[in-house]
ModelCIF file with pLDDT and N, C-alpha, C, O atoms, coordinates in Angstrom:
data_MODEL
#
_entry.id   MODEL 
#
_entity.id                         1 
_entity.type                       polymer 
_entity.pdbx_number_of_molecules   1 
#
_entity_poly.entity_id                      1 
_entity_poly.type                           'polypeptide(L)' 
_entity_poly.nstd_linkage                   no 
_entity_poly.nstd_monomer                   no 
_entity_poly.pdbx_seq_one_letter_code       KLGPTEFRLLTTFMEKPGRVWSREQLLDRVWGRDIYVDTRTVDVHIG 
_entity_poly.pdbx_seq_one_letter_code_can   KLGPTEFRLLTTFMEKPGRVWSREQLLDRVWGRDIYVDTRTVDVHIG 
_entity_poly.pdbx_strand_id                 A 
#
loop_
_entity_poly_seq.entity_id 
_entity_poly_seq.num 
_entity_poly_seq.mon_id 
_entity_poly_seq.hetero 
1 1  LYS n 
1 2  LEU n 
1 3  GLY n 
1 4  PRO n 
1 5  THR n 
1 6  GLU n 
1 7  PHE n 
1 8  ARG n 
1 9  LEU n 
1 10 LEU n 
1 11 THR n 
1 12 THR n 
1 13 PHE n 
1 14 MET n 
1 15 GLU n 
1 16 LYS n 
1 17 PRO n 
1 18 GLY n 
1 19 ARG n 
1 20 VAL n 
1 21 TRP n 
1 22 SER n 
1 23 ARG n 
1 24 GLU n 
1 25 GLN n 
1 26 LEU n 
1 27 LEU n 
1 28 ASP n 
1 29 ARG n 
1 30 VAL n 
1 31 TRP n 
1 32 GLY n 
1 33 ARG n 
1 34 ASP n 
1 35 ILE n 
1 36 TYR n 
1 37 VAL n 
1 38 ASP n 
1 39 THR n 
1 40 ARG n 
1 41 THR n 
1 42 VAL n 
1 43 ASP n 
1 44 VAL n 
1 45 HIS n 
1 46 ILE n 
1 47 GLY n 
#
_struct_asym.id          A 
_struct_asym.entity_id   1 
#
loop_
_ma_qa_metric.id 
_ma_qa_metric.mode 
_ma_qa_metric.name 
_ma_qa_metric.software_group_id 
_ma_qa_metric.type 
1 global pLDDT . pLDDT 
2 local  pLDDT . pLDDT 
#
_ma_qa_metric_global.metric_id      1 
_ma_qa_metric_global.metric_value   87.51 
_ma_qa_metric_global.model_id       1 
_ma_qa_metric_global.ordinal_id     1 
#
loop_
_ma_qa_metric_local.label_asym_id 
_ma_qa_metric_local.label_comp_id 
_ma_qa_metric_local.label_seq_id 
_ma_qa_metric_local.metric_id 
_ma_qa_metric_local.metric_value 
_ma_qa_metric_local.model_id 
_ma_qa_metric_local.ordinal_id 
A LYS 1  2 93.00 1 1  
A LEU 2  2 92.00 1 2  
A GLY 3  2 91.00 1 3  
A PRO 4  2 90.00 1 4  
A THR 5  2 91.00 1 5  
A GLU 6  2 94.00 1 6  
A PHE 7  2 92.00 1 7  
A ARG 8  2 90.00 1 8  
A LEU 9  2 93.00 1 9  
A LEU 10 2 94.00 1 10 
A THR 11 2 92.00 1 11 
A THR 12 2 91.00 1 12 
A PHE 13 2 93.00 1 13 
A MET 14 2 90.00 1 14 
A GLU 15 2 86.00 1 15 
A LYS 16 2 86.00 1 16 
A PRO 17 2 89.00 1 17 
A GLY 18 2 90.00 1 18 
A ARG 19 2 89.00 1 19 
A VAL 20 2 92.00 1 20 
A TRP 21 2 91.00 1 21 
A SER 22 2 91.00 1 22 
A ARG 23 2 91.00 1 23 
A GLU 24 2 88.00 1 24 
A GLN 25 2 87.00 1 25 
A LEU 26 2 90.00 1 26 
A LEU 27 2 86.00 1 27 
A ASP 28 2 83.00 1 28 
A ARG 29 2 82.00 1 29 
A VAL 30 2 86.00 1 30 
A TRP 31 2 82.00 1 31 
A GLY 32 2 77.00 1 32 
A ARG 33 2 67.00 1 33 
A ASP 34 2 66.00 1 34 
A ILE 35 2 69.00 1 35 
A TYR 36 2 76.00 1 36 
A VAL 37 2 78.00 1 37 
A ASP 38 2 84.00 1 38 
A THR 39 2 82.00 1 39 
A ARG 40 2 87.00 1 40 
A THR 41 2 90.00 1 41 
A VAL 42 2 91.00 1 42 
A ASP 43 2 93.00 1 43 
A VAL 44 2 94.00 1 44 
A HIS 45 2 94.00 1 45 
A ILE 46 2 95.00 1 46 
A GLY 47 2 95.00 1 47 
#
loop_
_atom_site.group_PDB 
_atom_site.id 
_atom_site.type_symbol 
_atom_site.label_atom_id 
_atom_site.label_alt_id 
_atom_site.label_comp_id 
_atom_site.label_asym_id 
_atom_site.label_entity_id 
_atom_site.label_seq_id 
_atom_site.pdbx_PDB_ins_code 
_atom_site.Cartn_x 
_atom_site.Cartn_y 
_atom_site.Cartn_z 
_atom_site.occupancy 
_atom_site.B_iso_or_equiv 
_atom_site.pdbx_formal_charge 
_atom_site.auth_seq_id 
_atom_site.auth_comp_id 
_atom_site.auth_asym_id 
_atom_site.auth_atom_id 
_atom_site.pdbx_PDB_model_num 
ATOM 1   N N  . LYS A 1 1  ? 45.667 105.774 271.655 1.00 93.00 ? 1  LYS A N  1 
ATOM 2   C CA . LYS A 1 1  ? 46.272 105.897 270.280 1.00 93.00 ? 1  LYS A CA 1 
ATOM 3   C C  . LYS A 1 1  ? 45.557 106.940 269.447 1.00 93.00 ? 1  LYS A C  1 
ATOM 4   O O  . LYS A 1 1  ? 44.409 106.858 269.011 1.00 93.00 ? 1  LYS A O  1 
ATOM 5   N N  . LEU A 1 2  ? 46.421 107.935 269.295 1.00 92.00 ? 2  LEU A N  1 
ATOM 6   C CA . LEU A 1 2  ? 45.967 109.082 268.512 1.00 92.00 ? 2  LEU A CA 1 
ATOM 7   C C  . LEU A 1 2  ? 46.623 109.316 267.340 1.00 92.00 ? 2  LEU A C  1 
ATOM 8   O O  . LEU A 1 2  ? 47.846 109.179 267.349 1.00 92.00 ? 2  LEU A O  1 
ATOM 9   N N  . GLY A 1 3  ? 45.961 109.704 266.130 1.00 91.00 ? 3  GLY A N  1 
ATOM 10  C CA . GLY A 1 3  ? 46.739 109.940 264.817 1.00 91.00 ? 3  GLY A CA 1 
ATOM 11  C C  . GLY A 1 3  ? 47.448 111.134 264.988 1.00 91.00 ? 3  GLY A C  1 
ATOM 12  O O  . GLY A 1 3  ? 47.234 111.837 265.975 1.00 91.00 ? 3  GLY A O  1 
ATOM 13  N N  . PRO A 1 4  ? 48.349 111.470 264.052 1.00 90.00 ? 4  PRO A N  1 
ATOM 14  C CA . PRO A 1 4  ? 49.257 112.716 264.209 1.00 90.00 ? 4  PRO A CA 1 
ATOM 15  C C  . PRO A 1 4  ? 48.525 114.058 264.215 1.00 90.00 ? 4  PRO A C  1 
ATOM 16  O O  . PRO A 1 4  ? 48.955 115.028 264.840 1.00 90.00 ? 4  PRO A O  1 
ATOM 17  N N  . THR A 1 5  ? 47.332 114.074 263.446 1.00 91.00 ? 5  THR A N  1 
ATOM 18  C CA . THR A 1 5  ? 46.672 115.398 263.435 1.00 91.00 ? 5  THR A CA 1 
ATOM 19  C C  . THR A 1 5  ? 45.791 115.378 264.815 1.00 91.00 ? 5  THR A C  1 
ATOM 20  O O  . THR A 1 5  ? 45.608 116.469 265.354 1.00 91.00 ? 5  THR A O  1 
ATOM 21  N N  . GLU A 1 6  ? 45.311 114.371 265.336 1.00 94.00 ? 6  GLU A N  1 
ATOM 22  C CA . GLU A 1 6  ? 44.626 114.464 266.424 1.00 94.00 ? 6  GLU A CA 1 
ATOM 23  C C  . GLU A 1 6  ? 45.511 114.850 267.740 1.00 94.00 ? 6  GLU A C  1 
ATOM 24  O O  . GLU A 1 6  ? 45.117 115.545 268.676 1.00 94.00 ? 6  GLU A O  1 
ATOM 25  N N  . PHE A 1 7  ? 46.845 114.220 267.598 1.00 92.00 ? 7  PHE A N  1 
ATOM 26  C CA . PHE A 1 7  ? 47.846 114.531 268.566 1.00 92.00 ? 7  PHE A CA 1 
ATOM 27  C C  . PHE A 1 7  ? 48.178 115.970 268.556 1.00 92.00 ? 7  PHE A C  1 
ATOM 28  O O  . PHE A 1 7  ? 48.358 116.521 269.641 1.00 92.00 ? 7  PHE A O  1 
ATOM 29  N N  . ARG A 1 8  ? 48.287 116.701 267.368 1.00 90.00 ? 8  ARG A N  1 
ATOM 30  C CA . ARG A 1 8  ? 48.636 118.069 267.385 1.00 90.00 ? 8  ARG A CA 1 
ATOM 31  C C  . ARG A 1 8  ? 47.502 118.885 267.883 1.00 90.00 ? 8  ARG A C  1 
ATOM 32  O O  . ARG A 1 8  ? 47.767 119.874 268.566 1.00 90.00 ? 8  ARG A O  1 
ATOM 33  N N  . LEU A 1 9  ? 46.215 118.569 267.608 1.00 93.00 ? 9  LEU A N  1 
ATOM 34  C CA . LEU A 1 9  ? 45.047 119.227 268.078 1.00 93.00 ? 9  LEU A CA 1 
ATOM 35  C C  . LEU A 1 9  ? 45.125 119.220 269.622 1.00 93.00 ? 9  LEU A C  1 
ATOM 36  O O  . LEU A 1 9  ? 45.122 120.289 270.233 1.00 93.00 ? 9  LEU A O  1 
ATOM 37  N N  . LEU A 1 10 ? 45.193 118.053 270.249 1.00 94.00 ? 10 LEU A N  1 
ATOM 38  C CA . LEU A 1 10 ? 45.307 117.800 271.667 1.00 94.00 ? 10 LEU A CA 1 
ATOM 39  C C  . LEU A 1 10 ? 46.411 118.697 272.391 1.00 94.00 ? 10 LEU A C  1 
ATOM 40  O O  . LEU A 1 10 ? 46.223 119.315 273.439 1.00 94.00 ? 10 LEU A O  1 
ATOM 41  N N  . THR A 1 11 ? 47.568 118.664 271.671 1.00 92.00 ? 11 THR A N  1 
ATOM 42  C CA . THR A 1 11 ? 48.614 119.443 272.165 1.00 92.00 ? 11 THR A CA 1 
ATOM 43  C C  . THR A 1 11 ? 48.291 120.898 272.164 1.00 92.00 ? 11 THR A C  1 
ATOM 44  O O  . THR A 1 11 ? 48.633 121.567 273.139 1.00 92.00 ? 11 THR A O  1 
ATOM 45  N N  . THR A 1 12 ? 47.691 121.430 271.207 1.00 91.00 ? 12 THR A N  1 
ATOM 46  C CA . THR A 1 12 ? 47.365 122.845 271.026 1.00 91.00 ? 12 THR A CA 1 
ATOM 47  C C  . THR A 1 12 ? 46.270 123.142 272.167 1.00 91.00 ? 12 THR A C  1 
ATOM 48  O O  . THR A 1 12 ? 46.342 124.191 272.807 1.00 91.00 ? 12 THR A O  1 
ATOM 49  N N  . PHE A 1 13 ? 45.328 122.267 272.392 1.00 93.00 ? 13 PHE A N  1 
ATOM 50  C CA . PHE A 1 13 ? 44.375 122.547 273.511 1.00 93.00 ? 13 PHE A CA 1 
ATOM 51  C C  . PHE A 1 13 ? 45.034 122.493 274.929 1.00 93.00 ? 13 PHE A C  1 
ATOM 52  O O  . PHE A 1 13 ? 44.779 123.354 275.771 1.00 93.00 ? 13 PHE A O  1 
ATOM 53  N N  . MET A 1 14 ? 45.916 121.422 275.172 1.00 90.00 ? 14 MET A N  1 
ATOM 54  C CA . MET A 1 14 ? 46.526 121.231 276.517 1.00 90.00 ? 14 MET A CA 1 
ATOM 55  C C  . MET A 1 14 ? 47.478 122.306 276.759 1.00 90.00 ? 14 MET A C  1 
ATOM 56  O O  . MET A 1 14 ? 47.831 122.521 277.918 1.00 90.00 ? 14 MET A O  1 
ATOM 57  N N  . GLU A 1 15 ? 47.933 123.003 275.802 1.00 86.00 ? 15 GLU A N  1 
ATOM 58  C CA . GLU A 1 15 ? 49.053 124.122 276.225 1.00 86.00 ? 15 GLU A CA 1 
ATOM 59  C C  . GLU A 1 15 ? 48.181 125.339 276.753 1.00 86.00 ? 15 GLU A C  1 
ATOM 60  O O  . GLU A 1 15 ? 48.682 126.111 277.570 1.00 86.00 ? 15 GLU A O  1 
ATOM 61  N N  . LYS A 1 16 ? 47.059 125.498 276.360 1.00 86.00 ? 16 LYS A N  1 
ATOM 62  C CA . LYS A 1 16 ? 46.119 126.535 276.880 1.00 86.00 ? 16 LYS A CA 1 
ATOM 63  C C  . LYS A 1 16 ? 44.801 126.093 277.243 1.00 86.00 ? 16 LYS A C  1 
ATOM 64  O O  . LYS A 1 16 ? 43.863 126.462 276.536 1.00 86.00 ? 16 LYS A O  1 
ATOM 65  N N  . PRO A 1 17 ? 44.573 125.307 278.306 1.00 89.00 ? 17 PRO A N  1 
ATOM 66  C CA . PRO A 1 17 ? 43.294 124.965 278.591 1.00 89.00 ? 17 PRO A CA 1 
ATOM 67  C C  . PRO A 1 17 ? 42.372 126.068 278.873 1.00 89.00 ? 17 PRO A C  1 
ATOM 68  O O  . PRO A 1 17 ? 42.763 127.099 279.421 1.00 89.00 ? 17 PRO A O  1 
ATOM 69  N N  . GLY A 1 18 ? 41.077 125.866 278.490 1.00 90.00 ? 18 GLY A N  1 
ATOM 70  C CA . GLY A 1 18 ? 40.189 126.975 278.710 1.00 90.00 ? 18 GLY A CA 1 
ATOM 71  C C  . GLY A 1 18 ? 40.181 127.992 277.451 1.00 90.00 ? 18 GLY A C  1 
ATOM 72  O O  . GLY A 1 18 ? 39.118 128.530 277.141 1.00 90.00 ? 18 GLY A O  1 
ATOM 73  N N  . ARG A 1 19 ? 41.247 128.229 276.801 1.00 89.00 ? 19 ARG A N  1 
ATOM 74  C CA . ARG A 1 19 ? 41.248 129.146 275.566 1.00 89.00 ? 19 ARG A CA 1 
ATOM 75  C C  . ARG A 1 19 ? 40.336 128.509 274.549 1.00 89.00 ? 19 ARG A C  1 
ATOM 76  O O  . ARG A 1 19 ? 40.331 127.298 274.327 1.00 89.00 ? 19 ARG A O  1 
ATOM 77  N N  . VAL A 1 20 ? 39.560 129.392 273.939 1.00 92.00 ? 20 VAL A N  1 
ATOM 78  C CA . VAL A 1 20 ? 38.743 129.131 272.801 1.00 92.00 ? 20 VAL A CA 1 
ATOM 79  C C  . VAL A 1 20 ? 39.540 129.313 271.491 1.00 92.00 ? 20 VAL A C  1 
ATOM 80  O O  . VAL A 1 20 ? 40.052 130.404 271.238 1.00 92.00 ? 20 VAL A O  1 
ATOM 81  N N  . TRP A 1 21 ? 39.646 128.307 270.694 1.00 91.00 ? 21 TRP A N  1 
ATOM 82  C CA . TRP A 1 21 ? 40.336 128.435 269.321 1.00 91.00 ? 21 TRP A CA 1 
ATOM 83  C C  . TRP A 1 21 ? 39.289 128.283 268.391 1.00 91.00 ? 21 TRP A C  1 
ATOM 84  O O  . TRP A 1 21 ? 38.412 127.420 268.434 1.00 91.00 ? 21 TRP A O  1 
ATOM 85  N N  . SER A 1 22 ? 39.462 129.367 267.361 1.00 91.00 ? 22 SER A N  1 
ATOM 86  C CA . SER A 1 22 ? 38.455 129.337 266.228 1.00 91.00 ? 22 SER A CA 1 
ATOM 87  C C  . SER A 1 22 ? 39.022 128.254 265.160 1.00 91.00 ? 22 SER A C  1 
ATOM 88  O O  . SER A 1 22 ? 40.210 127.933 265.148 1.00 91.00 ? 22 SER A O  1 
ATOM 89  N N  . ARG A 1 23 ? 38.239 127.823 264.433 1.00 91.00 ? 23 ARG A N  1 
ATOM 90  C CA . ARG A 1 23 ? 38.648 126.865 263.375 1.00 91.00 ? 23 ARG A CA 1 
ATOM 91  C C  . ARG A 1 23 ? 39.881 127.333 262.511 1.00 91.00 ? 23 ARG A C  1 
ATOM 92  O O  . ARG A 1 23 ? 40.789 126.560 262.206 1.00 91.00 ? 23 ARG A O  1 
ATOM 93  N N  . GLU A 1 24 ? 39.842 128.647 262.144 1.00 88.00 ? 24 GLU A N  1 
ATOM 94  C CA . GLU A 1 24 ? 40.993 129.180 261.427 1.00 88.00 ? 24 GLU A CA 1 
ATOM 95  C C  . GLU A 1 24 ? 42.197 129.205 262.301 1.00 88.00 ? 24 GLU A C  1 
ATOM 96  O O  . GLU A 1 24 ? 43.282 128.910 261.801 1.00 88.00 ? 24 GLU A O  1 
ATOM 97  N N  . GLN A 1 25 ? 42.115 129.512 263.490 1.00 87.00 ? 25 GLN A N  1 
ATOM 98  C CA . GLN A 1 25 ? 43.402 129.514 264.413 1.00 87.00 ? 25 GLN A CA 1 
ATOM 99  C C  . GLN A 1 25 ? 43.906 128.089 264.520 1.00 87.00 ? 25 GLN A C  1 
ATOM 100 O O  . GLN A 1 25 ? 45.111 127.845 264.470 1.00 87.00 ? 25 GLN A O  1 
ATOM 101 N N  . LEU A 1 26 ? 42.991 127.153 264.668 1.00 90.00 ? 26 LEU A N  1 
ATOM 102 C CA . LEU A 1 26 ? 43.429 125.634 264.647 1.00 90.00 ? 26 LEU A CA 1 
ATOM 103 C C  . LEU A 1 26 ? 43.949 125.177 263.383 1.00 90.00 ? 26 LEU A C  1 
ATOM 104 O O  . LEU A 1 26 ? 44.793 124.281 263.387 1.00 90.00 ? 26 LEU A O  1 
ATOM 105 N N  . LEU A 1 27 ? 43.525 125.714 262.237 1.00 86.00 ? 27 LEU A N  1 
ATOM 106 C CA . LEU A 1 27 ? 44.192 125.390 260.932 1.00 86.00 ? 27 LEU A CA 1 
ATOM 107 C C  . LEU A 1 27 ? 45.525 125.885 260.887 1.00 86.00 ? 27 LEU A C  1 
ATOM 108 O O  . LEU A 1 27 ? 46.418 125.177 260.421 1.00 86.00 ? 27 LEU A O  1 
ATOM 109 N N  . ASP A 1 28 ? 45.771 127.123 261.359 1.00 83.00 ? 28 ASP A N  1 
ATOM 110 C CA . ASP A 1 28 ? 47.155 127.751 261.230 1.00 83.00 ? 28 ASP A CA 1 
ATOM 111 C C  . ASP A 1 28 ? 48.064 127.012 262.260 1.00 83.00 ? 28 ASP A C  1 
ATOM 112 O O  . ASP A 1 28 ? 49.244 126.843 261.953 1.00 83.00 ? 28 ASP A O  1 
ATOM 113 N N  . ARG A 1 29 ? 47.630 126.589 263.385 1.00 82.00 ? 29 ARG A N  1 
ATOM 114 C CA . ARG A 1 29 ? 48.449 126.045 264.284 1.00 82.00 ? 29 ARG A CA 1 
ATOM 115 C C  . ARG A 1 29 ? 48.791 124.592 264.091 1.00 82.00 ? 29 ARG A C  1 
ATOM 116 O O  . ARG A 1 29 ? 49.891 124.106 264.356 1.00 82.00 ? 29 ARG A O  1 
ATOM 117 N N  . VAL A 1 30 ? 47.776 123.951 263.618 1.00 86.00 ? 30 VAL A N  1 
ATOM 118 C CA . VAL A 1 30 ? 47.937 122.361 263.531 1.00 86.00 ? 30 VAL A CA 1 
ATOM 119 C C  . VAL A 1 30 ? 48.424 121.962 262.147 1.00 86.00 ? 30 VAL A C  1 
ATOM 120 O O  . VAL A 1 30 ? 49.302 121.112 262.005 1.00 86.00 ? 30 VAL A O  1 
ATOM 121 N N  . TRP A 1 31 ? 47.792 122.639 261.043 1.00 82.00 ? 31 TRP A N  1 
ATOM 122 C CA . TRP A 1 31 ? 48.103 122.250 259.821 1.00 82.00 ? 31 TRP A CA 1 
ATOM 123 C C  . TRP A 1 31 ? 49.248 123.100 259.212 1.00 82.00 ? 31 TRP A C  1 
ATOM 124 O O  . TRP A 1 31 ? 50.056 122.626 258.414 1.00 82.00 ? 31 TRP A O  1 
ATOM 125 N N  . GLY A 1 32 ? 49.263 124.307 259.613 1.00 77.00 ? 32 GLY A N  1 
ATOM 126 C CA . GLY A 1 32 ? 50.208 125.254 259.090 1.00 77.00 ? 32 GLY A CA 1 
ATOM 127 C C  . GLY A 1 32 ? 49.562 126.303 258.255 1.00 77.00 ? 32 GLY A C  1 
ATOM 128 O O  . GLY A 1 32 ? 48.462 126.106 257.738 1.00 77.00 ? 32 GLY A O  1 
ATOM 129 N N  . ARG A 1 33 ? 50.280 127.508 258.100 1.00 67.00 ? 33 ARG A N  1 
ATOM 130 C CA . ARG A 1 33 ? 49.589 128.708 257.436 1.00 67.00 ? 33 ARG A CA 1 
ATOM 131 C C  . ARG A 1 33 ? 49.650 128.515 256.024 1.00 67.00 ? 33 ARG A C  1 
ATOM 132 O O  . ARG A 1 33 ? 48.805 129.119 255.364 1.00 67.00 ? 33 ARG A O  1 
ATOM 133 N N  . ASP A 1 34 ? 50.576 127.712 255.352 1.00 66.00 ? 34 ASP A N  1 
ATOM 134 C CA . ASP A 1 34 ? 50.770 127.566 253.994 1.00 66.00 ? 34 ASP A CA 1 
ATOM 135 C C  . ASP A 1 34 ? 49.927 126.353 253.320 1.00 66.00 ? 34 ASP A C  1 
ATOM 136 O O  . ASP A 1 34 ? 50.104 126.039 252.143 1.00 66.00 ? 34 ASP A O  1 
ATOM 137 N N  . ILE A 1 35 ? 49.156 125.812 254.021 1.00 69.00 ? 35 ILE A N  1 
ATOM 138 C CA . ILE A 1 35 ? 48.517 124.562 253.649 1.00 69.00 ? 35 ILE A CA 1 
ATOM 139 C C  . ILE A 1 35 ? 46.969 124.852 253.556 1.00 69.00 ? 35 ILE A C  1 
ATOM 140 O O  . ILE A 1 35 ? 46.355 125.165 254.576 1.00 69.00 ? 35 ILE A O  1 
ATOM 141 N N  . TYR A 1 36 ? 46.390 124.757 252.436 1.00 76.00 ? 36 TYR A N  1 
ATOM 142 C CA . TYR A 1 36 ? 44.805 125.053 252.310 1.00 76.00 ? 36 TYR A CA 1 
ATOM 143 C C  . TYR A 1 36 ? 44.176 123.856 252.753 1.00 76.00 ? 36 TYR A C  1 
ATOM 144 O O  . TYR A 1 36 ? 44.398 122.797 252.165 1.00 76.00 ? 36 TYR A O  1 
ATOM 145 N N  . VAL A 1 37 ? 43.336 123.927 253.831 1.00 78.00 ? 37 VAL A N  1 
ATOM 146 C CA . VAL A 1 37 ? 42.445 122.801 254.312 1.00 78.00 ? 37 VAL A CA 1 
ATOM 147 C C  . VAL A 1 37 ? 41.152 123.490 254.522 1.00 78.00 ? 37 VAL A C  1 
ATOM 148 O O  . VAL A 1 37 ? 41.150 124.630 254.987 1.00 78.00 ? 37 VAL A O  1 
ATOM 149 N N  . ASP A 1 38 ? 40.038 122.875 254.209 1.00 84.00 ? 38 ASP A N  1 
ATOM 150 C CA . ASP A 1 38 ? 38.689 123.450 254.500 1.00 84.00 ? 38 ASP A CA 1 
ATOM 151 C C  . ASP A 1 38 ? 38.337 123.366 255.926 1.00 84.00 ? 38 ASP A C  1 
ATOM 152 O O  . ASP A 1 38 ? 38.547 122.301 256.508 1.00 84.00 ? 38 ASP A O  1 
ATOM 153 N N  . THR A 1 39 ? 37.791 124.430 256.598 1.00 82.00 ? 39 THR A N  1 
ATOM 154 C CA . THR A 1 39 ? 37.535 124.570 257.844 1.00 82.00 ? 39 THR A CA 1 
ATOM 155 C C  . THR A 1 39 ? 36.727 123.325 258.460 1.00 82.00 ? 39 THR A C  1 
ATOM 156 O O  . THR A 1 39 ? 36.865 123.016 259.644 1.00 82.00 ? 39 THR A O  1 
ATOM 157 N N  . ARG A 1 40 ? 35.880 122.631 257.590 1.00 87.00 ? 40 ARG A N  1 
ATOM 158 C CA . ARG A 1 40 ? 35.086 121.603 258.076 1.00 87.00 ? 40 ARG A CA 1 
ATOM 159 C C  . ARG A 1 40 ? 35.868 120.323 258.441 1.00 87.00 ? 40 ARG A C  1 
ATOM 160 O O  . ARG A 1 40 ? 35.415 119.393 259.109 1.00 87.00 ? 40 ARG A O  1 
ATOM 161 N N  . THR A 1 41 ? 37.227 120.413 257.856 1.00 90.00 ? 41 THR A N  1 
ATOM 162 C CA . THR A 1 41 ? 38.074 119.286 258.213 1.00 90.00 ? 41 THR A CA 1 
ATOM 163 C C  . THR A 1 41 ? 38.475 119.278 259.727 1.00 90.00 ? 41 THR A C  1 
ATOM 164 O O  . THR A 1 41 ? 38.751 118.262 260.365 1.00 90.00 ? 41 THR A O  1 
ATOM 165 N N  . VAL A 1 42 ? 38.467 120.563 260.209 1.00 91.00 ? 42 VAL A N  1 
ATOM 166 C CA . VAL A 1 42 ? 38.757 120.685 261.759 1.00 91.00 ? 42 VAL A CA 1 
ATOM 167 C C  . VAL A 1 42 ? 37.638 119.965 262.379 1.00 91.00 ? 42 VAL A C  1 
ATOM 168 O O  . VAL A 1 42 ? 38.006 119.148 263.222 1.00 91.00 ? 42 VAL A O  1 
ATOM 169 N N  . ASP A 1 43 ? 36.295 120.050 262.180 1.00 93.00 ? 43 ASP A N  1 
ATOM 170 C CA . ASP A 1 43 ? 35.337 119.456 262.749 1.00 93.00 ? 43 ASP A CA 1 
ATOM 171 C C  . ASP A 1 43 ? 35.476 117.899 262.801 1.00 93.00 ? 43 ASP A C  1 
ATOM 172 O O  . ASP A 1 43 ? 35.165 117.198 263.764 1.00 93.00 ? 43 ASP A O  1 
ATOM 173 N N  . VAL A 1 44 ? 36.004 117.462 261.583 1.00 94.00 ? 44 VAL A N  1 
ATOM 174 C CA . VAL A 1 44 ? 36.040 115.853 261.429 1.00 94.00 ? 44 VAL A CA 1 
ATOM 175 C C  . VAL A 1 44 ? 37.122 115.386 262.419 1.00 94.00 ? 44 VAL A C  1 
ATOM 176 O O  . VAL A 1 44 ? 36.917 114.410 263.141 1.00 94.00 ? 44 VAL A O  1 
ATOM 177 N N  . HIS A 1 45 ? 38.285 116.086 262.456 1.00 94.00 ? 45 HIS A N  1 
ATOM 178 C CA . HIS A 1 45 ? 39.313 115.674 263.426 1.00 94.00 ? 45 HIS A CA 1 
ATOM 179 C C  . HIS A 1 45 ? 39.055 115.849 264.863 1.00 94.00 ? 45 HIS A C  1 
ATOM 180 O O  . HIS A 1 45 ? 39.574 115.128 265.714 1.00 94.00 ? 45 HIS A O  1 
ATOM 181 N N  . ILE A 1 46 ? 38.170 116.907 265.149 1.00 95.00 ? 46 ILE A N  1 
ATOM 182 C CA . ILE A 1 46 ? 37.825 117.144 266.549 1.00 95.00 ? 46 ILE A CA 1 
ATOM 183 C C  . ILE A 1 46 ? 36.939 115.856 267.004 1.00 95.00 ? 46 ILE A C  1 
ATOM 184 O O  . ILE A 1 46 ? 37.090 115.243 268.061 1.00 95.00 ? 46 ILE A O  1 
ATOM 185 N N  . GLY A 1 47 ? 35.992 115.573 265.997 1.00 95.00 ? 47 GLY A N  1 
ATOM 186 C CA . GLY A 1 47 ? 35.254 114.385 266.270 1.00 95.00 ? 47 GLY A CA 1 
ATOM 187 C C  . GLY A 1 47 ? 36.039 112.955 266.531 1.00 95.00 ? 47 GLY A C  1 
ATOM 188 O O  . GLY A 1 47 ? 35.396 111.932 266.766 1.00 95.00 ? 47 GLY A O  1 
#
């Protein structure tokens, strides 16, 4: 049972296994470019 943000994160990872994603790239892909979210939020959802 994954929340919607965790589901989007896992989808991003599973589309390109092994690729290293920076926090900024994950923010763009998962949250969208037009939304301001602190990069530390990425760490919380990764956890």
